[in-house]
């Protein structure tokens, strides 16, 4: 699942049917695969909107210096 998530995040154009088949072979249902893809896609969308609008990170989220 994490390999799928990383690939979908960093190289979405490289996704193939075999990526989904790998998840199915690992025991994930079609609904599980849909849920994974939707969560990854949603976070990518929200981050791009925030970055595009210059939304600042919450101070409680900033890493410790």
Protein backbone atom coordinates (compact mmCIF):
# COMPACT_ATOMS: atom_id res chain seq x y z
CA UNK A 1 0.00 0.00 0.00
CA UNK A 2 2.78 2.43 0.84
CA UNK A 3 4.57 1.74 -2.46
CA UNK A 4 1.31 2.42 -4.30
CA UNK A 5 0.76 5.61 -2.30
CA UNK A 6 4.28 6.89 -2.94
CA UNK A 7 4.07 6.17 -6.66
CA UNK A 8 0.64 7.79 -6.99
CA UNK A 9 1.92 10.85 -5.13
CA UNK A 10 5.24 11.29 -6.92
CA UNK A 11 4.63 9.71 -10.36
CA UNK A 12 0.89 9.56 -11.02
CA UNK A 13 1.37 9.30 -14.79
CA UNK A 14 3.34 6.09 -14.31
CA UNK A 15 0.50 4.19 -12.61
CA UNK A 16 -0.58 1.00 -14.39
CA UNK A 17 -3.09 -1.79 -13.95
CA UNK A 18 -0.35 -3.83 -12.31
CA UNK A 19 -0.19 -1.34 -9.42
CA UNK A 20 -3.81 -2.11 -8.59
CA UNK A 21 -3.23 -5.83 -9.17
CA UNK A 22 -0.40 -5.75 -6.63
CA UNK A 23 -2.77 -4.33 -4.03
CA UNK A 24 -5.39 -6.96 -4.85
CA UNK A 25 -2.77 -9.70 -4.56
CA UNK A 26 -1.89 -8.33 -1.10
CA UNK A 27 -5.52 -8.77 -0.02
CA UNK A 28 -6.98 -5.33 -0.63
CA UNK A 29 -10.51 -5.24 -2.03
CA UNK A 30 -11.57 -2.99 -4.88
CA UNK A 31 -13.21 -0.74 -2.28
CA UNK A 32 -9.93 -0.59 -0.34
CA UNK A 33 -8.04 0.39 -3.49
CA UNK A 34 -10.60 3.11 -4.19
CA UNK A 35 -10.31 4.42 -0.63
CA UNK A 36 -6.50 4.52 -0.86
CA UNK A 37 -6.57 6.35 -4.19
CA UNK A 38 -9.16 8.83 -2.94
CA UNK A 39 -7.21 9.69 0.21
CA UNK A 40 -3.96 10.11 -1.72
CA UNK A 41 -5.70 12.22 -4.36
CA UNK A 42 -7.48 14.37 -1.79
CA UNK A 43 -4.28 15.19 0.09
CA UNK A 44 -2.50 16.02 -3.17
CA UNK A 45 -5.40 18.30 -4.14
CA UNK A 46 -5.56 20.10 -0.80
CA UNK A 47 -1.80 20.62 -0.67
CA UNK A 48 -1.71 22.05 -4.19
CA UNK A 49 -4.59 24.41 -3.46
CA UNK A 50 -2.92 25.59 -0.25
CA UNK A 51 0.45 26.01 -1.96
CA UNK A 52 -1.16 27.79 -4.92
CA UNK A 53 -2.89 30.26 -2.63
CA UNK A 54 0.12 30.81 -0.40
CA UNK A 55 -1.58 29.41 2.68
CA UNK A 56 0.86 29.42 5.57
CA UNK A 57 1.39 26.35 7.71
CA UNK A 58 -0.19 26.47 11.15
CA UNK A 59 2.36 27.36 13.83
CA UNK A 60 1.60 24.17 15.76
CA UNK A 61 2.56 22.18 12.65
CA UNK A 62 5.96 23.77 12.11
CA UNK A 63 8.91 21.48 12.87
CA UNK A 64 10.96 22.22 15.98
CA UNK A 65 14.12 24.16 15.28
